[in-house]
């Protein structure tokens, strides 16, 4: 299961760090590809904070990948974070139809959350 944990949480770490870097370093491209409203004014700070949070979760997944036994308690937080992100974007997409592209991106987090919870169940 250690090899599986390294693969699963390593992929999650890379995905999170990629999205965080994309959001932080190429905001115009990020909003353009996802069809979002431009990030301007004080909203730049909110976007940067979101990128930092996404990167922090990515760092947590990297720690789990490197030592799944020691950092096991973070797996619960990761699954909760992924499900919360999906719920937040889904709720917004119900009222703002142009957010469905963002939901398609974040929707992959449901798969990760299920795999995280399954890993916890199988390694209890």
N, C-alpha and C. Protein backbone atom coordinates (compact mmCIF):
# COMPACT_ATOMS: atom_id res chain seq x y z
N UNK A 1 0.82 -1.21 0.00
CA UNK A 1 0.00 0.00 0.00
C UNK A 1 0.86 1.26 0.00
N UNK A 2 2.11 1.14 0.42
CA UNK A 2 2.98 2.33 0.44
C UNK A 2 3.20 2.85 -0.97
N UNK A 3 3.43 1.96 -1.91
CA UNK A 3 3.63 2.38 -3.31
C UNK A 3 2.37 3.05 -3.84
N UNK A 4 1.21 2.48 -3.52
CA UNK A 4 -0.05 3.08 -3.94
C UNK A 4 -0.23 4.47 -3.33
N UNK A 5 0.08 4.61 -2.04
CA UNK A 5 -0.04 5.92 -1.37
C UNK A 5 0.89 6.93 -2.02
N UNK A 6 2.10 6.50 -2.33
CA UNK A 6 3.04 7.43 -2.99
C UNK A 6 2.50 7.90 -4.33
N UNK A 7 1.94 6.98 -5.07
CA UNK A 7 1.38 7.33 -6.37
C UNK A 7 0.17 8.25 -6.21
N UNK A 8 -0.80 7.84 -5.38
CA UNK A 8 -2.04 8.58 -5.22
C UNK A 8 -1.79 9.99 -4.70
N UNK A 9 -1.08 10.10 -3.61
CA UNK A 9 -0.88 11.42 -3.01
C UNK A 9 0.17 12.23 -3.77
N UNK A 10 1.07 11.55 -4.46
CA UNK A 10 2.01 12.26 -5.33
C UNK A 10 1.30 12.93 -6.50
N UNK A 11 0.37 12.20 -7.11
CA UNK A 11 -0.41 12.77 -8.22
C UNK A 11 -1.26 13.94 -7.71
N UNK A 12 -1.87 13.77 -6.54
CA UNK A 12 -2.69 14.85 -5.95
C UNK A 12 -1.82 16.07 -5.67
N UNK A 13 -0.60 15.85 -5.17
CA UNK A 13 0.30 16.97 -4.88
C UNK A 13 0.65 17.72 -6.16
N UNK A 14 1.03 16.98 -7.20
CA UNK A 14 1.39 17.61 -8.47
C UNK A 14 0.20 18.39 -9.04
N UNK A 15 -0.98 17.79 -8.99
CA UNK A 15 -2.17 18.47 -9.51
C UNK A 15 -2.43 19.77 -8.76
N UNK A 16 -2.39 19.72 -7.43
CA UNK A 16 -2.63 20.92 -6.64
C UNK A 16 -1.58 21.99 -6.90
N UNK A 17 -0.32 21.58 -6.92
CA UNK A 17 0.75 22.55 -7.14
C UNK A 17 0.68 23.16 -8.53
N UNK A 18 0.26 22.37 -9.52
CA UNK A 18 0.09 22.89 -10.87
C UNK A 18 -1.02 23.95 -10.91
N UNK A 19 -2.17 23.63 -10.34
CA UNK A 19 -3.29 24.57 -10.33
C UNK A 19 -2.91 25.83 -9.56
N UNK A 20 -2.24 25.68 -8.43
CA UNK A 20 -1.83 26.84 -7.63
C UNK A 20 -0.88 27.74 -8.43
N UNK A 21 0.09 27.14 -9.09
CA UNK A 21 1.03 27.93 -9.89
C UNK A 21 0.33 28.60 -11.06
N UNK A 22 -0.57 27.88 -11.71
CA UNK A 22 -1.32 28.44 -12.83
C UNK A 22 -2.14 29.64 -12.36
N UNK A 23 -2.82 29.51 -11.25
CA UNK A 23 -3.64 30.60 -10.72
C UNK A 23 -2.77 31.78 -10.27
N UNK A 24 -1.66 31.51 -9.64
CA UNK A 24 -0.82 32.59 -9.11
C UNK A 24 0.00 33.28 -10.19
N UNK A 25 0.50 32.52 -11.15
CA UNK A 25 1.46 33.07 -12.10
C UNK A 25 0.87 33.41 -13.47
N UNK A 26 -0.30 32.89 -13.77
CA UNK A 26 -0.90 33.14 -15.09
C UNK A 26 -2.41 33.34 -14.93
N UNK A 27 -2.77 34.34 -14.13
CA UNK A 27 -4.19 34.55 -13.83
C UNK A 27 -5.02 34.83 -15.07
N UNK A 28 -4.49 35.60 -16.00
CA UNK A 28 -5.27 35.89 -17.21
C UNK A 28 -5.54 34.63 -18.02
N UNK A 29 -4.54 33.78 -18.13
CA UNK A 29 -4.73 32.51 -18.82
C UNK A 29 -5.71 31.62 -18.06
N UNK A 30 -5.58 31.58 -16.75
CA UNK A 30 -6.46 30.78 -15.89
C UNK A 30 -7.92 31.18 -16.12
N UNK A 31 -8.22 32.47 -16.01
CA UNK A 31 -9.61 32.90 -16.18
C UNK A 31 -10.07 32.77 -17.62
N UNK A 32 -9.16 32.93 -18.56
CA UNK A 32 -9.52 32.79 -19.97
C UNK A 32 -9.92 31.37 -20.33
N UNK A 33 -9.10 30.41 -19.92
CA UNK A 33 -9.37 29.01 -20.23
C UNK A 33 -10.65 28.54 -19.55
N UNK A 34 -10.87 28.99 -18.32
CA UNK A 34 -12.04 28.53 -17.57
C UNK A 34 -13.28 29.40 -17.78
N UNK A 35 -13.15 30.46 -18.57
CA UNK A 35 -14.30 31.31 -18.85
C UNK A 35 -14.78 32.09 -17.64
N UNK A 36 -13.86 32.47 -16.77
CA UNK A 36 -14.22 33.21 -15.57
C UNK A 36 -14.14 34.71 -15.81
N UNK A 37 -14.71 35.48 -14.90
CA UNK A 37 -14.59 36.93 -14.97
C UNK A 37 -13.14 37.32 -14.68
N UNK A 38 -12.67 38.43 -15.27
CA UNK A 38 -11.30 38.86 -15.01
C UNK A 38 -11.07 39.12 -13.51
N UNK A 39 -9.85 38.83 -13.07
CA UNK A 39 -9.47 39.10 -11.69
C UNK A 39 -8.82 40.48 -11.67
N UNK A 40 -9.42 41.39 -10.92
CA UNK A 40 -8.90 42.76 -10.90
C UNK A 40 -9.10 43.35 -9.50
N UNK A 41 -8.40 44.45 -9.27
CA UNK A 41 -8.54 45.17 -8.01
C UNK A 41 -8.19 44.31 -6.81
N UNK A 42 -8.97 44.46 -5.77
CA UNK A 42 -8.69 43.71 -4.54
C UNK A 42 -8.96 42.21 -4.70
N UNK A 43 -9.66 41.82 -5.74
CA UNK A 43 -9.90 40.39 -5.98
C UNK A 43 -8.61 39.64 -6.32
N UNK A 44 -7.58 40.38 -6.72
CA UNK A 44 -6.28 39.75 -6.98
C UNK A 44 -5.76 39.09 -5.71
N UNK A 45 -5.98 39.77 -4.57
CA UNK A 45 -5.54 39.22 -3.29
C UNK A 45 -6.30 37.93 -2.97
N UNK A 46 -7.59 37.90 -3.24
CA UNK A 46 -8.39 36.70 -2.99
C UNK A 46 -7.90 35.55 -3.88
N UNK A 47 -7.61 35.84 -5.14
CA UNK A 47 -7.10 34.81 -6.04
C UNK A 47 -5.74 34.30 -5.56
N UNK A 48 -4.89 35.21 -5.10
CA UNK A 48 -3.58 34.80 -4.58
C UNK A 48 -3.72 33.96 -3.31
N UNK A 49 -4.66 34.34 -2.45
CA UNK A 49 -4.91 33.54 -1.24
C UNK A 49 -5.41 32.14 -1.61
N UNK A 50 -6.27 32.07 -2.61
CA UNK A 50 -6.76 30.76 -3.07
C UNK A 50 -5.59 29.92 -3.58
N UNK A 51 -4.69 30.54 -4.33
CA UNK A 51 -3.53 29.82 -4.85
C UNK A 51 -2.65 29.31 -3.71
N UNK A 52 -2.47 30.14 -2.68
CA UNK A 52 -1.67 29.72 -1.52
C UNK A 52 -2.32 28.54 -0.81
N UNK A 53 -3.63 28.59 -0.65
CA UNK A 53 -4.34 27.50 0.01
C UNK A 53 -4.25 26.21 -0.80
N UNK A 54 -4.43 26.31 -2.10
CA UNK A 54 -4.31 25.14 -2.97
C UNK A 54 -2.90 24.56 -2.88
N UNK A 55 -1.89 25.44 -2.88
CA UNK A 55 -0.50 24.98 -2.77
C UNK A 55 -0.24 24.34 -1.41
N UNK A 56 -0.82 24.89 -0.34
CA UNK A 56 -0.63 24.31 0.99
C UNK A 56 -1.19 22.89 1.05
N UNK A 57 -2.36 22.68 0.45
CA UNK A 57 -2.90 21.32 0.38
C UNK A 57 -1.97 20.44 -0.45
N UNK A 58 -1.44 20.97 -1.54
CA UNK A 58 -0.49 20.20 -2.36
C UNK A 58 0.73 19.79 -1.56
N UNK A 59 1.23 20.68 -0.73
CA UNK A 59 2.36 20.36 0.13
C UNK A 59 1.98 19.24 1.11
N UNK A 60 0.78 19.33 1.66
CA UNK A 60 0.31 18.28 2.56
C UNK A 60 0.24 16.93 1.86
N UNK A 61 -0.25 16.92 0.62
CA UNK A 61 -0.31 15.66 -0.14
C UNK A 61 1.09 15.12 -0.42
N UNK A 62 2.04 16.03 -0.66
CA UNK A 62 3.41 15.61 -0.88
C UNK A 62 3.98 14.95 0.38
N UNK A 63 3.71 15.53 1.53
CA UNK A 63 4.17 14.95 2.80
C UNK A 63 3.56 13.56 2.99
N UNK A 64 2.28 13.42 2.68
CA UNK A 64 1.62 12.10 2.80
C UNK A 64 2.28 11.11 1.84
N UNK A 65 2.56 11.55 0.61
CA UNK A 65 3.18 10.66 -0.38
C UNK A 65 4.53 10.16 0.11
N UNK A 66 5.27 11.02 0.79
CA UNK A 66 6.60 10.65 1.26
C UNK A 66 6.57 9.77 2.51
N UNK A 67 5.54 9.94 3.34
CA UNK A 67 5.42 9.14 4.57
C UNK A 67 3.95 8.99 4.95
N UNK A 68 3.26 8.03 4.31
CA UNK A 68 1.82 7.89 4.52
C UNK A 68 1.41 7.47 5.93
N UNK A 69 2.31 6.87 6.66
CA UNK A 69 1.98 6.46 8.03
C UNK A 69 2.05 7.67 8.97
N UNK A 70 3.14 8.37 8.91
CA UNK A 70 3.33 9.54 9.80
C UNK A 70 2.30 10.63 9.55
N UNK A 71 1.97 10.87 8.28
CA UNK A 71 1.07 11.97 7.94
C UNK A 71 -0.36 11.51 7.65
N UNK A 72 -0.69 10.32 8.10
CA UNK A 72 -2.05 9.78 7.92
C UNK A 72 -3.15 10.74 8.37
N UNK A 73 -3.01 11.45 9.50
CA UNK A 73 -4.08 12.37 9.93
C UNK A 73 -4.40 13.46 8.90
N UNK A 74 -3.45 13.79 8.04
CA UNK A 74 -3.71 14.81 7.01
C UNK A 74 -4.64 14.31 5.91
N UNK A 75 -4.75 13.00 5.76
CA UNK A 75 -5.59 12.45 4.70
C UNK A 75 -7.05 12.85 4.91
N UNK A 76 -7.51 12.82 6.14
CA UNK A 76 -8.88 13.24 6.43
C UNK A 76 -9.09 14.70 6.04
N UNK A 77 -8.13 15.54 6.37
CA UNK A 77 -8.22 16.96 6.04
C UNK A 77 -8.23 17.15 4.53
N UNK A 78 -7.40 16.38 3.83
CA UNK A 78 -7.36 16.46 2.38
C UNK A 78 -8.67 16.07 1.73
N UNK A 79 -9.26 14.97 2.19
CA UNK A 79 -10.55 14.54 1.64
C UNK A 79 -11.62 15.59 1.91
N UNK A 80 -11.64 16.12 3.13
CA UNK A 80 -12.61 17.17 3.47
C UNK A 80 -12.40 18.41 2.61
N UNK A 81 -11.16 18.82 2.43
CA UNK A 81 -10.87 19.99 1.60
C UNK A 81 -11.31 19.80 0.16
N UNK A 82 -11.06 18.62 -0.38
CA UNK A 82 -11.48 18.34 -1.76
C UNK A 82 -13.00 18.38 -1.89
N UNK A 83 -13.70 17.75 -0.95
CA UNK A 83 -15.17 17.76 -1.01
C UNK A 83 -15.74 19.16 -0.79
N UNK A 84 -15.12 19.94 0.08
CA UNK A 84 -15.59 21.31 0.32
C UNK A 84 -15.39 22.17 -0.92
N UNK A 85 -14.27 21.99 -1.61
CA UNK A 85 -14.03 22.76 -2.85
C UNK A 85 -15.07 22.42 -3.90
N UNK A 86 -15.35 21.14 -4.06
CA UNK A 86 -16.36 20.71 -5.04
C UNK A 86 -17.73 21.28 -4.67
N UNK A 87 -18.10 21.21 -3.41
CA UNK A 87 -19.40 21.72 -2.98
C UNK A 87 -19.51 23.23 -3.20
N UNK A 88 -18.44 23.96 -2.91
CA UNK A 88 -18.47 25.42 -3.09
C UNK A 88 -18.63 25.80 -4.55
N UNK A 89 -17.87 25.16 -5.43
CA UNK A 89 -17.97 25.50 -6.85
C UNK A 89 -19.29 25.01 -7.43
N UNK A 90 -19.76 23.85 -7.03
CA UNK A 90 -21.03 23.34 -7.53
C UNK A 90 -22.17 24.27 -7.13
N UNK A 91 -22.18 24.70 -5.89
CA UNK A 91 -23.23 25.61 -5.42
C UNK A 91 -23.22 26.91 -6.22
N UNK A 92 -22.05 27.43 -6.47
CA UNK A 92 -21.95 28.67 -7.25
C UNK A 92 -22.37 28.44 -8.71
N UNK A 93 -22.01 27.28 -9.26
CA UNK A 93 -22.34 26.99 -10.65
C UNK A 93 -23.84 26.85 -10.87
N UNK A 94 -24.57 26.50 -9.82
CA UNK A 94 -26.03 26.41 -9.97
C UNK A 94 -26.66 27.76 -10.28
N UNK A 95 -26.05 28.83 -9.80
CA UNK A 95 -26.60 30.17 -10.04
C UNK A 95 -25.82 30.95 -11.10
N UNK A 96 -24.58 30.56 -11.35
CA UNK A 96 -23.75 31.24 -12.35
C UNK A 96 -23.30 30.22 -13.39
N UNK A 97 -24.07 30.06 -14.47
CA UNK A 97 -23.80 28.99 -15.44
C UNK A 97 -22.39 29.01 -16.05
N UNK A 98 -21.73 30.16 -16.09
CA UNK A 98 -20.39 30.18 -16.70
C UNK A 98 -19.33 29.52 -15.80
N UNK A 99 -19.73 29.06 -14.63
CA UNK A 99 -18.79 28.38 -13.73
C UNK A 99 -18.70 26.88 -13.97
N UNK A 100 -19.45 26.36 -14.93
CA UNK A 100 -19.42 24.92 -15.15
C UNK A 100 -18.05 24.43 -15.62
N UNK A 101 -17.30 25.27 -16.33
CA UNK A 101 -15.93 24.88 -16.72
C UNK A 101 -15.04 24.73 -15.48
N UNK A 102 -15.19 25.66 -14.55
CA UNK A 102 -14.43 25.57 -13.30
C UNK A 102 -14.86 24.31 -12.54
N UNK A 103 -16.16 24.04 -12.54
CA UNK A 103 -16.64 22.83 -11.87
C UNK A 103 -16.05 21.58 -12.51
N UNK A 104 -15.90 21.59 -13.84
CA UNK A 104 -15.30 20.44 -14.52
C UNK A 104 -13.87 20.21 -14.03
N UNK A 105 -13.14 21.30 -13.80
CA UNK A 105 -11.78 21.19 -13.28
C UNK A 105 -11.79 20.68 -11.84
N UNK A 106 -12.61 21.28 -11.00
CA UNK A 106 -12.67 20.92 -9.58
C UNK A 106 -13.36 19.58 -9.37
N UNK A 107 -14.21 19.18 -10.31
CA UNK A 107 -14.93 17.92 -10.19
C UNK A 107 -14.03 16.72 -10.04
N UNK A 108 -12.81 16.81 -10.57
CA UNK A 108 -11.85 15.73 -10.40
C UNK A 108 -11.49 15.50 -8.94
N UNK A 109 -11.70 16.52 -8.11
CA UNK A 109 -11.42 16.39 -6.69
C UNK A 109 -12.34 15.37 -6.02
N UNK A 110 -13.52 15.14 -6.59
CA UNK A 110 -14.42 14.11 -6.04
C UNK A 110 -13.73 12.74 -6.12
N UNK A 111 -13.08 12.49 -7.24
CA UNK A 111 -12.38 11.22 -7.43
C UNK A 111 -11.26 11.09 -6.40
N UNK A 112 -10.48 12.16 -6.24
CA UNK A 112 -9.41 12.12 -5.25
C UNK A 112 -9.97 11.89 -3.85
N UNK A 113 -11.04 12.59 -3.49
CA UNK A 113 -11.63 12.44 -2.15
C UNK A 113 -12.06 11.00 -1.91
N UNK A 114 -12.71 10.40 -2.90
CA UNK A 114 -13.15 9.00 -2.78
C UNK A 114 -11.94 8.08 -2.62
N UNK A 115 -10.91 8.32 -3.40
CA UNK A 115 -9.71 7.48 -3.30
C UNK A 115 -9.00 7.68 -1.96
N UNK A 116 -8.98 8.91 -1.46
CA UNK A 116 -8.38 9.17 -0.14
C UNK A 116 -9.14 8.40 0.95
N UNK A 117 -10.46 8.50 0.92
CA UNK A 117 -11.28 7.82 1.93
C UNK A 117 -11.16 6.31 1.80
N UNK A 118 -11.09 5.82 0.57
CA UNK A 118 -10.91 4.39 0.36
C UNK A 118 -9.56 3.93 0.90
N UNK A 119 -8.52 4.74 0.69
CA UNK A 119 -7.20 4.41 1.22
C UNK A 119 -7.27 4.31 2.75
N UNK A 120 -7.94 5.28 3.38
CA UNK A 120 -8.08 5.25 4.84
C UNK A 120 -8.80 3.97 5.30
N UNK A 121 -9.84 3.61 4.58
CA UNK A 121 -10.62 2.42 4.94
C UNK A 121 -9.77 1.16 4.80
N UNK A 122 -9.03 1.07 3.72
CA UNK A 122 -8.24 -0.14 3.46
C UNK A 122 -7.00 -0.25 4.33
N UNK A 123 -6.58 0.85 4.93
CA UNK A 123 -5.35 0.81 5.74
C UNK A 123 -5.62 1.09 7.21
N UNK A 124 -6.85 0.87 7.64
CA UNK A 124 -7.19 1.18 9.04
C UNK A 124 -6.47 0.28 10.03
